[in-house]
Every structure is written in C-alpha cells, then in structure tokens.
Amino acid sequence: MKCPNCGYENRAALKLCKKCSRDLTVAPVWFPNWKWHLKTLSWIYLTLIAVFFIASFLLRKLPPPYDIREIPPQMTPWLYPHKIPAP
C-alpha cells in the first residue's frame, strides 16, 4: 500500500507508514482538480442551455391568450408609467 502523504510503499497489513508514521487506515481527502471543475461547470452550462430552449419551445406552443409575446401596457402599468394616462 502506498502512503498518500509521502508515497512510500508499505505492506498492506501495516496501519502506520514506516517512513512518515501517517495513519494508513484513514481515507485520503479528495480535492477536485481543474478538469473536474471544467467538466462539472460544462454540464451545468449545457443543462441550463437545454432547459432554456426546451422551455422556449414549449411556451411557444401555448394556446391563446397565453402565447402573447408582448404584454400590453394596460396589464402591467408599473412597467410603463409614462405611457398610461392618469385618471
């Protein structure tokens, strides 16, 4: 068994490394490298792009009046306060 601390080759039955006395029964800590980050972020990015295009496609298939692309100012007066005359 190779010591994760110093790389010394120990017998499999040993519990401590002969060279650095590290405990060989403890599992080594895993740290992600740049390849893992690149792969994970790529999957997240591709998933978000796919969800966007699928949602856009499905929203275009909605029946009227839900298929309206532009919202009239009467429905959202807080977005266009300068276009609606005051009562």
N, C-alpha and C. Protein backbone atom coordinates (compact mmCIF):
# COMPACT_ATOMS: atom_id res chain seq x y z
N MET A 1 0.85 -1.17 0.00
CA MET A 1 0.00 0.00 0.00
C MET A 1 0.90 1.23 0.00
N LYS A 2 0.60 2.16 -0.87
CA LYS A 2 1.39 3.39 -0.99
C LYS A 2 0.83 4.44 -0.04
N CYS A 3 1.73 5.10 0.68
CA CYS A 3 1.33 6.15 1.62
C CYS A 3 0.87 7.38 0.84
N PRO A 4 -0.32 7.92 1.17
CA PRO A 4 -0.79 9.11 0.45
C PRO A 4 -0.02 10.38 0.82
N ASN A 5 0.71 10.34 1.93
CA ASN A 5 1.45 11.51 2.38
C ASN A 5 2.84 11.60 1.74
N CYS A 6 3.61 10.51 1.83
CA CYS A 6 4.99 10.57 1.35
C CYS A 6 5.24 9.69 0.13
N GLY A 7 4.32 8.76 -0.19
CA GLY A 7 4.46 7.91 -1.36
C GLY A 7 5.28 6.66 -1.11
N TYR A 8 5.67 6.40 0.14
CA TYR A 8 6.46 5.22 0.47
C TYR A 8 5.60 3.96 0.32
N GLU A 9 6.19 2.91 -0.23
CA GLU A 9 5.46 1.65 -0.44
C GLU A 9 5.53 0.83 0.85
N ASN A 10 4.39 0.60 1.49
CA ASN A 10 4.29 -0.17 2.73
C ASN A 10 3.60 -1.50 2.46
N ARG A 11 3.72 -2.41 3.41
CA ARG A 11 2.98 -3.67 3.33
C ARG A 11 1.50 -3.37 3.58
N ALA A 12 0.63 -4.21 3.05
CA ALA A 12 -0.81 -3.96 3.15
C ALA A 12 -1.31 -4.11 4.57
N ALA A 13 -0.65 -4.89 5.41
CA ALA A 13 -1.12 -5.14 6.77
C ALA A 13 -0.77 -4.01 7.74
N LEU A 14 0.09 -3.12 7.37
CA LEU A 14 0.51 -2.05 8.28
C LEU A 14 -0.58 -1.00 8.45
N LYS A 15 -0.63 -0.44 9.67
CA LYS A 15 -1.59 0.62 9.95
C LYS A 15 -0.94 2.00 9.92
N LEU A 16 0.39 2.05 10.11
CA LEU A 16 1.13 3.31 10.07
C LEU A 16 2.22 3.21 9.01
N CYS A 17 2.50 4.31 8.36
CA CYS A 17 3.57 4.35 7.36
C CYS A 17 4.92 4.22 8.07
N LYS A 18 5.82 3.43 7.50
CA LYS A 18 7.15 3.24 8.10
C LYS A 18 8.00 4.50 7.99
N LYS A 19 7.77 5.31 6.97
CA LYS A 19 8.61 6.47 6.74
C LYS A 19 8.13 7.72 7.49
N CYS A 20 6.83 8.03 7.37
CA CYS A 20 6.33 9.29 7.96
C CYS A 20 5.36 9.07 9.12
N SER A 21 5.03 7.83 9.44
CA SER A 21 4.15 7.46 10.55
C SER A 21 2.72 7.97 10.39
N ARG A 22 2.28 8.15 9.18
CA ARG A 22 0.90 8.57 8.96
C ARG A 22 -0.03 7.37 9.07
N ASP A 23 -1.24 7.59 9.58
CA ASP A 23 -2.23 6.53 9.72
C ASP A 23 -2.73 6.14 8.33
N LEU A 24 -2.53 4.87 7.95
CA LEU A 24 -2.93 4.39 6.63
C LEU A 24 -4.37 3.90 6.59
N THR A 25 -5.04 3.84 7.74
CA THR A 25 -6.42 3.37 7.77
C THR A 25 -7.41 4.50 7.44
N VAL A 26 -6.97 5.75 7.54
CA VAL A 26 -7.84 6.90 7.25
C VAL A 26 -7.89 7.10 5.74
N ALA A 27 -9.10 7.28 5.23
CA ALA A 27 -9.27 7.51 3.79
C ALA A 27 -8.68 8.87 3.41
N PRO A 28 -8.02 8.97 2.26
CA PRO A 28 -7.45 10.26 1.86
C PRO A 28 -8.55 11.25 1.50
N VAL A 29 -8.25 12.52 1.73
CA VAL A 29 -9.19 13.60 1.41
C VAL A 29 -9.13 13.85 -0.09
N TRP A 30 -10.30 14.02 -0.70
CA TRP A 30 -10.36 14.25 -2.15
C TRP A 30 -10.50 15.73 -2.41
N PHE A 31 -9.64 16.25 -3.29
CA PHE A 31 -9.72 17.64 -3.71
C PHE A 31 -9.92 17.66 -5.22
N PRO A 32 -10.94 18.38 -5.70
CA PRO A 32 -11.17 18.42 -7.15
C PRO A 32 -10.08 19.21 -7.86
N ASN A 33 -9.70 18.74 -9.02
CA ASN A 33 -8.71 19.46 -9.81
C ASN A 33 -9.42 20.29 -10.88
N TRP A 34 -8.69 20.96 -11.74
CA TRP A 34 -9.28 21.85 -12.73
C TRP A 34 -10.10 21.09 -13.76
N LYS A 35 -9.73 19.83 -14.05
CA LYS A 35 -10.50 19.04 -15.02
C LYS A 35 -11.90 18.73 -14.46
N TRP A 36 -11.96 18.41 -13.17
CA TRP A 36 -13.26 18.13 -12.56
C TRP A 36 -14.13 19.38 -12.59
N HIS A 37 -13.55 20.54 -12.27
CA HIS A 37 -14.31 21.80 -12.31
C HIS A 37 -14.80 22.10 -13.71
N LEU A 38 -13.94 21.92 -14.70
CA LEU A 38 -14.32 22.18 -16.08
C LEU A 38 -15.46 21.27 -16.53
N LYS A 39 -15.36 20.00 -16.19
CA LYS A 39 -16.41 19.04 -16.56
C LYS A 39 -17.72 19.36 -15.87
N THR A 40 -17.68 19.66 -14.58
CA THR A 40 -18.90 19.96 -13.83
C THR A 40 -19.56 21.24 -14.32
N LEU A 41 -18.78 22.29 -14.51
CA LEU A 41 -19.35 23.55 -14.99
C LEU A 41 -19.87 23.43 -16.42
N SER A 42 -19.23 22.60 -17.23
CA SER A 42 -19.73 22.37 -18.59
C SER A 42 -21.09 21.70 -18.56
N TRP A 43 -21.24 20.71 -17.70
CA TRP A 43 -22.54 20.03 -17.59
C TRP A 43 -23.63 20.98 -17.10
N ILE A 44 -23.29 21.81 -16.12
CA ILE A 44 -24.28 22.77 -15.62
C ILE A 44 -24.67 23.75 -16.72
N TYR A 45 -23.70 24.27 -17.45
CA TYR A 45 -23.95 25.24 -18.52
C TYR A 45 -24.80 24.61 -19.63
N LEU A 46 -24.44 23.41 -20.06
CA LEU A 46 -25.20 22.74 -21.12
C LEU A 46 -26.62 22.40 -20.67
N THR A 47 -26.79 22.03 -19.41
CA THR A 47 -28.12 21.75 -18.88
C THR A 47 -28.97 23.02 -18.88
N LEU A 48 -28.40 24.14 -18.45
CA LEU A 48 -29.16 25.40 -18.45
C LEU A 48 -29.56 25.82 -19.86
N ILE A 49 -28.67 25.65 -20.81
CA ILE A 49 -28.99 25.99 -22.20
C ILE A 49 -30.11 25.10 -22.72
N ALA A 50 -30.03 23.80 -22.44
CA ALA A 50 -31.07 22.87 -22.90
C ALA A 50 -32.42 23.21 -22.26
N VAL A 51 -32.44 23.52 -20.97
CA VAL A 51 -33.69 23.87 -20.29
C VAL A 51 -34.27 25.15 -20.88
N PHE A 52 -33.42 26.13 -21.19
CA PHE A 52 -33.91 27.37 -21.78
C PHE A 52 -34.60 27.12 -23.13
N PHE A 53 -33.94 26.34 -24.01
CA PHE A 53 -34.51 26.12 -25.33
C PHE A 53 -35.76 25.23 -25.27
N ILE A 54 -35.78 24.27 -24.37
CA ILE A 54 -36.97 23.42 -24.22
C ILE A 54 -38.13 24.25 -23.69
N ALA A 55 -37.87 25.09 -22.68
CA ALA A 55 -38.93 25.94 -22.13
C ALA A 55 -39.43 26.93 -23.18
N SER A 56 -38.53 27.51 -23.95
CA SER A 56 -38.95 28.44 -25.01
C SER A 56 -39.82 27.74 -26.05
N PHE A 57 -39.44 26.54 -26.43
CA PHE A 57 -40.22 25.78 -27.41
C PHE A 57 -41.61 25.46 -26.87
N LEU A 58 -41.67 25.01 -25.61
CA LEU A 58 -42.96 24.64 -25.03
C LEU A 58 -43.85 25.87 -24.79
N LEU A 59 -43.26 27.00 -24.43
CA LEU A 59 -44.06 28.20 -24.20
C LEU A 59 -44.64 28.76 -25.49
N ARG A 60 -43.95 28.53 -26.62
CA ARG A 60 -44.49 28.98 -27.90
C ARG A 60 -45.71 28.15 -28.32
N LYS A 61 -45.85 26.96 -27.78
CA LYS A 61 -46.95 26.07 -28.14
C LYS A 61 -48.22 26.32 -27.31
N LEU A 62 -48.17 27.26 -26.38
CA LEU A 62 -49.34 27.53 -25.54
C LEU A 62 -50.48 28.11 -26.37
N PRO A 63 -51.73 27.82 -25.98
CA PRO A 63 -52.88 28.36 -26.69
C PRO A 63 -53.10 29.83 -26.33
N PRO A 64 -53.85 30.57 -27.17
CA PRO A 64 -54.14 31.97 -26.86
C PRO A 64 -54.96 32.06 -25.58
N PRO A 65 -54.87 33.04 -24.81
CA PRO A 65 -54.08 34.27 -24.89
C PRO A 65 -52.70 34.13 -24.25
N TYR A 66 -52.28 32.93 -23.87
CA TYR A 66 -51.00 32.75 -23.18
C TYR A 66 -49.80 32.80 -24.12
N ASP A 67 -50.05 32.81 -25.41
CA ASP A 67 -48.95 32.83 -26.38
C ASP A 67 -48.53 34.24 -26.76
N ILE A 68 -49.05 35.24 -26.08
CA ILE A 68 -48.74 36.64 -26.39
C ILE A 68 -47.27 36.91 -26.08
N ARG A 69 -46.57 37.47 -27.05
CA ARG A 69 -45.15 37.75 -26.86
C ARG A 69 -44.93 39.12 -26.21
N GLU A 70 -45.78 40.08 -26.54
CA GLU A 70 -45.65 41.42 -25.97
C GLU A 70 -46.83 41.67 -25.03
N ILE A 71 -46.51 42.10 -23.85
CA ILE A 71 -47.55 42.34 -22.85
C ILE A 71 -48.05 43.77 -23.03
N PRO A 72 -49.38 43.94 -23.17
CA PRO A 72 -49.90 45.30 -23.33
C PRO A 72 -49.68 46.14 -22.07
N PRO A 73 -49.50 47.44 -22.23
CA PRO A 73 -49.24 48.30 -21.06
C PRO A 73 -50.39 48.32 -20.06
N GLN A 74 -51.61 48.02 -20.49
CA GLN A 74 -52.74 48.02 -19.56
C GLN A 74 -52.62 46.89 -18.54
N MET A 75 -51.93 45.82 -18.91
CA MET A 75 -51.79 44.68 -17.98
C MET A 75 -50.69 44.91 -16.95
N THR A 76 -49.71 45.71 -17.29
CA THR A 76 -48.60 45.98 -16.38
C THR A 76 -48.31 47.47 -16.33
N PRO A 77 -49.14 48.23 -15.64
CA PRO A 77 -48.95 49.68 -15.61
C PRO A 77 -47.68 50.11 -14.88
N TRP A 78 -47.18 49.29 -13.96
CA TRP A 78 -45.96 49.66 -13.24
C TRP A 78 -44.72 49.59 -14.13
N LEU A 79 -44.80 48.88 -15.26
CA LEU A 79 -43.67 48.82 -16.17
C LEU A 79 -43.62 50.02 -17.12
N TYR A 80 -44.80 50.60 -17.40
CA TYR A 80 -44.89 51.72 -18.34
C TYR A 80 -45.66 52.87 -17.71
N PRO A 81 -45.14 53.50 -16.68
CA PRO A 81 -45.92 54.56 -16.03
C PRO A 81 -46.07 55.81 -16.91
N HIS A 82 -45.20 56.02 -17.87
CA HIS A 82 -45.27 57.20 -18.72
C HIS A 82 -46.21 57.02 -19.92
N LYS A 83 -46.65 55.80 -20.21
CA LYS A 83 -47.49 55.56 -21.38
C LYS A 83 -48.97 55.53 -21.05
N ILE A 84 -49.33 55.34 -19.79
CA ILE A 84 -50.74 55.26 -19.43
C ILE A 84 -51.18 56.61 -18.87
N PRO A 85 -52.25 57.17 -19.42
CA PRO A 85 -52.71 58.47 -18.92
C PRO A 85 -53.28 58.32 -17.51
N ALA A 86 -53.03 59.34 -16.72
CA ALA A 86 -53.54 59.33 -15.34
C ALA A 86 -55.05 59.55 -15.36
N PRO A 87 -55.82 58.85 -14.52
CA PRO A 87 -57.28 59.04 -14.49
C PRO A 87 -57.71 60.30 -13.82
